[in-house]
C-alpha atoms as a PDB file:
ATOM      1  CA  MET A   1       3.054   2.812   0.503  1.00  0.00           C
ATOM      2  CA  ARG A   2       4.346   6.074   0.233  1.00  0.00           C
ATOM      3  CA  GLN A   3       1.781   8.727   0.144  1.00  0.00           C
ATOM      4  CA  GLU A   4       1.779  12.070  -1.555  1.00  0.00           C
ATOM      5  CA  GLU A   5       1.791  15.215   0.286  1.00  0.00           C
ATOM      6  CA  GLY A   6      -1.658  16.102   0.355  1.00  0.00           C
ATOM      7  CA  GLY A   7      -2.191  12.390   1.544  1.00  0.00           C
ATOM      8  CA  TYR A   8      -3.253  10.926  -1.775  1.00  0.00           C
ATOM      9  CA  GLY A   9      -1.573   7.585  -2.895  1.00  0.00           C
ATOM     10  CA  ALA A  10      -0.746   7.036  -6.546  1.00  0.00           C
ATOM     11  CA  GLY A  11      -3.637   4.569  -7.180  1.00  0.00           C
ATOM     12  CA  PRO A  12      -6.752   6.982  -5.977  1.00  0.00           C
ATOM     13  CA  MET A  13      -4.669   9.951  -7.765  1.00  0.00           C
ATOM     14  CA  ILE A  14      -4.660   7.080 -11.302  1.00  0.00           C
ATOM     15  CA  PHE A  15      -8.360   6.205 -10.406  1.00  0.00           C
ATOM     16  CA  SER A  16      -9.291   9.561 -10.649  1.00  0.00           C
ATOM     17  CA  PHE A  17      -7.673  10.547 -13.625  1.00  0.00           C
ATOM     18  CA  PHE A  18      -9.508   7.603 -16.063  1.00  0.00           C
ATOM     19  CA  LEU A  19     -12.489   8.651 -14.157  1.00  0.00           C
ATOM     20  CA  GLY A  20     -12.410  12.046 -15.001  1.00  0.00           C
ATOM     21  CA  GLY A  21     -11.449  10.896 -18.270  1.00  0.00           C
ATOM     22  CA  LEU A  22     -14.549   8.714 -19.374  1.00  0.00           C
ATOM     23  CA  ILE A  23     -16.804  11.320 -17.724  1.00  0.00           C
ATOM     24  CA  GLY A  24     -15.468  13.776 -19.622  1.00  0.00           C
ATOM     25  CA  ALA A  25     -15.128  11.558 -22.994  1.00  0.00           C
ATOM     26  CA  SER A  26     -19.318  10.959 -22.106  1.00  0.00           C
ATOM     27  CA  VAL A  27     -20.258  14.508 -21.668  1.00  0.00           C
ATOM     28  CA  ALA A  28     -18.738  15.261 -25.254  1.00  0.00           C
ATOM     29  CA  LEU A  29     -19.926  12.137 -27.150  1.00  0.00           C
ATOM     30  CA  LEU A  30     -23.238  13.356 -25.786  1.00  0.00           C
ATOM     31  CA  PHE A  31     -22.822  16.922 -27.127  1.00  0.00           C
ATOM     32  CA  ALA A  32     -21.261  15.812 -30.865  1.00  0.00           C
ATOM     33  CA  PRO A  33     -23.379  16.451 -33.696  1.00  0.00           C
ATOM     34  CA  LYS A  34     -24.093  12.473 -34.421  1.00  0.00           C
ATOM     35  CA  SER A  35     -26.988  10.596 -34.355  1.00  0.00           C
ATOM     36  CA  GLY A  36     -28.452   8.624 -31.229  1.00  0.00           C
ATOM     37  CA  LYS A  37     -27.589   5.116 -32.152  1.00  0.00           C
ATOM     38  CA  GLU A  38     -23.833   6.152 -33.111  1.00  0.00           C
ATOM     39  CA  THR A  39     -23.792   7.882 -29.794  1.00  0.00           C
ATOM     40  CA  ARG A  40     -24.843   5.118 -28.190  1.00  0.00           C
ATOM     41  CA  GLU A  41     -22.219   2.972 -29.575  1.00  0.00           C
ATOM     42  CA  LYS A  42     -19.451   5.462 -29.113  1.00  0.00           C
ATOM     43  CA  ILE A  43     -19.982   5.437 -25.465  1.00  0.00           C
ATOM     44  CA  LYS A  44     -20.781   1.462 -25.174  1.00  0.00           C
ATOM     45  CA  GLU A  45     -17.051   1.270 -27.304  1.00  0.00           C
ATOM     46  CA  PHE A  46     -15.561   4.436 -25.045  1.00  0.00           C
ATOM     47  CA  ALA A  47     -17.045   2.962 -21.678  1.00  0.00           C
ATOM     48  CA  GLY A  48     -15.428  -0.455 -22.209  1.00  0.00           C
ATOM     49  CA  GLU A  49     -12.139   0.497 -22.758  1.00  0.00           C
ATOM     50  CA  ALA A  50     -12.233   2.798 -19.972  1.00  0.00           C
ATOM     51  CA  LYS A  51     -13.535  -0.409 -18.075  1.00  0.00           C
ATOM     52  CA  GLY A  52     -10.491  -2.124 -19.514  1.00  0.00           C
ATOM     53  CA  LYS A  53      -7.931   0.446 -18.483  1.00  0.00           C
ATOM     54  CA  ALA A  54      -9.151   0.414 -15.061  1.00  0.00           C
ATOM     55  CA  GLU A  55      -8.711  -2.718 -14.462  1.00  0.00           C
ATOM     56  CA  GLU A  56      -5.509  -2.924 -15.254  1.00  0.00           C
ATOM     57  CA  VAL A  57      -4.888   0.081 -12.759  1.00  0.00           C
ATOM     58  CA  ILE A  58      -6.713  -2.137  -9.884  1.00  0.00           C
ATOM     59  CA  GLU A  59      -4.484  -4.818 -10.980  1.00  0.00           C
ATOM     60  CA  GLN A  60      -1.269  -2.504 -10.584  1.00  0.00           C
ATOM     61  CA  VAL A  61      -2.446  -1.367  -7.512  1.00  0.00           C
ATOM     62  CA  LYS A  62      -2.799  -4.316  -6.011  1.00  0.00           C
ATOM     63  CA  GLY A  63       0.189  -5.831  -7.112  1.00  0.00           C
ATOM     64  CA  ARG A  64       1.762  -3.040  -5.289  1.00  0.00           C
ATOM     65  CA  VAL A  65      -0.154  -2.944  -2.014  1.00  0.00           C
ATOM     66  CA  THR A  66       0.475  -6.922  -1.904  1.00  0.00           C
ATOM     67  CA  SER A  67       4.161  -6.380  -2.236  1.00  0.00           C
ATOM     68  CA  VAL A  68       4.545  -3.440   0.257  1.00  0.00           C
ATOM     69  CA  VAL A  69       2.263  -5.643   2.859  1.00  0.00           C
ATOM     70  CA  GLU A  70       5.004  -8.564   2.164  1.00  0.00           C
ATOM     71  CA  LYS A  71       8.328  -6.481   2.872  1.00  0.00           C
ATOM     72  CA  GLY A  72       6.041  -5.023   5.667  1.00  0.00           C
ATOM     73  CA  LYS A  73       5.299  -8.551   7.256  1.00  0.00           C
ATOM     74  CA  GLU A  74       9.249  -9.576   6.249  1.00  0.00           C
ATOM     75  CA  ALA A  75      10.536  -6.304   8.521  1.00  0.00           C
ATOM     76  CA  PHE A  76       8.067  -6.787  11.019  1.00  0.00           C
ATOM     77  CA  GLU A  77       9.156 -10.414  11.809  1.00  0.00           C
ATOM     78  CA  GLU A  78      12.655  -9.519  11.276  1.00  0.00           C
ATOM     79  CA  ARG A  79      12.553  -6.428  14.300  1.00  0.00           C
ATOM     80  CA  LYS A  80      10.313  -8.676  16.390  1.00  0.00           C
ATOM     81  CA  SER A  81      13.399 -11.568  16.329  1.00  0.00           C
ATOM     82  CA  ILE A  82      16.107  -8.449  17.002  1.00  0.00           C
ATOM     83  CA  LEU A  83      13.682  -7.230  19.756  1.00  0.00           C
ATOM     84  CA  ALA A  84      13.248 -10.873  21.509  1.00  0.00           C
ATOM     85  CA  THR A  85      17.312 -11.353  20.960  1.00  0.00           C
ATOM     86  CA  ALA A  86      17.596  -8.250  23.017  1.00  0.00           C
ATOM     87  CA  ILE A  87      14.777  -9.082  25.425  1.00  0.00           C
ATOM     88  CA  ASP A  88      16.613 -12.517  26.048  1.00  0.00           C
ATOM     89  CA  ALA A  89      20.242 -11.192  26.463  1.00  0.00           C
ATOM     90  CA  GLY A  90      18.686  -8.334  29.057  1.00  0.00           C
ATOM     91  CA  LYS A  91      16.916 -11.027  31.018  1.00  0.00           C
ATOM     92  CA  GLU A  92      20.289 -13.276  31.100  1.00  0.00           C
ATOM     93  CA  ALA A  93      22.174  -9.778  32.050  1.00  0.00           C
ATOM     94  CA  TYR A  94      19.684  -9.442  34.450  1.00  0.00           C
ATOM     95  CA  GLU A  95      20.283 -13.175  36.152  1.00  0.00           C
ATOM     96  CA  LYS A  96      23.838 -12.742  35.727  1.00  0.00           C
ATOM     97  CA  GLU A  97      23.764  -9.849  38.008  1.00  0.00           C
ATOM     98  CA  LYS A  98      21.295 -11.149  40.521  1.00  0.00           C
ATOM     99  CA  GLU A  99      23.700 -14.060  41.054  1.00  0.00           C
ATOM    100  CA  LYS A 100      26.555 -11.886  41.746  1.00  0.00           C
ATOM    101  CA  LEU A 101      24.730  -9.965  44.344  1.00  0.00           C
ATOM    102  CA  ALA A 102      23.700 -12.919  46.054  1.00  0.00           C
ATOM    103  CA  LYS A 103      26.921 -14.134  46.397  1.00  0.00           C
ATOM    104  CA  GLY A 104      28.209 -10.669  47.980  1.00  0.00           C
ATOM    105  CA  HIS A 105      29.800  -9.473  45.221  1.00  0.00           C
ATOM    106  CA  PRO A 106      29.242  -6.079  43.798  1.00  0.00           C
ATOM    107  CA  SER A 107      28.858  -5.278  40.377  1.00  0.00           C
ATOM    108  CA  GLY A 108      31.656  -3.545  39.460  1.00  0.00           C
ATOM    109  CA  SER A 109      34.144  -6.409  40.486  1.00  0.00           C
END
């Protein structure tokens, strides 16, 4: 997953945004000129909405992370296969040169 220049990815930034919104709204509700019961109900309602939004963001981030991990595994397997093929080709070339030298033929002929 690509990280922003500050070293933070999109997931933590979105989560921080929602957390800041939740805290700000809670403080606003606490200082609003309403009864205690109304304020508590509003806070409870807002917290439920914020929880739902946070769960959505978490699921989106999990989906992205899973996708990136899968792509990374695929890329690793592809590179591993290419490297194994290159190593095998190198071993084969080495064995051919070794046979030539054993028969007394220099490698340039």
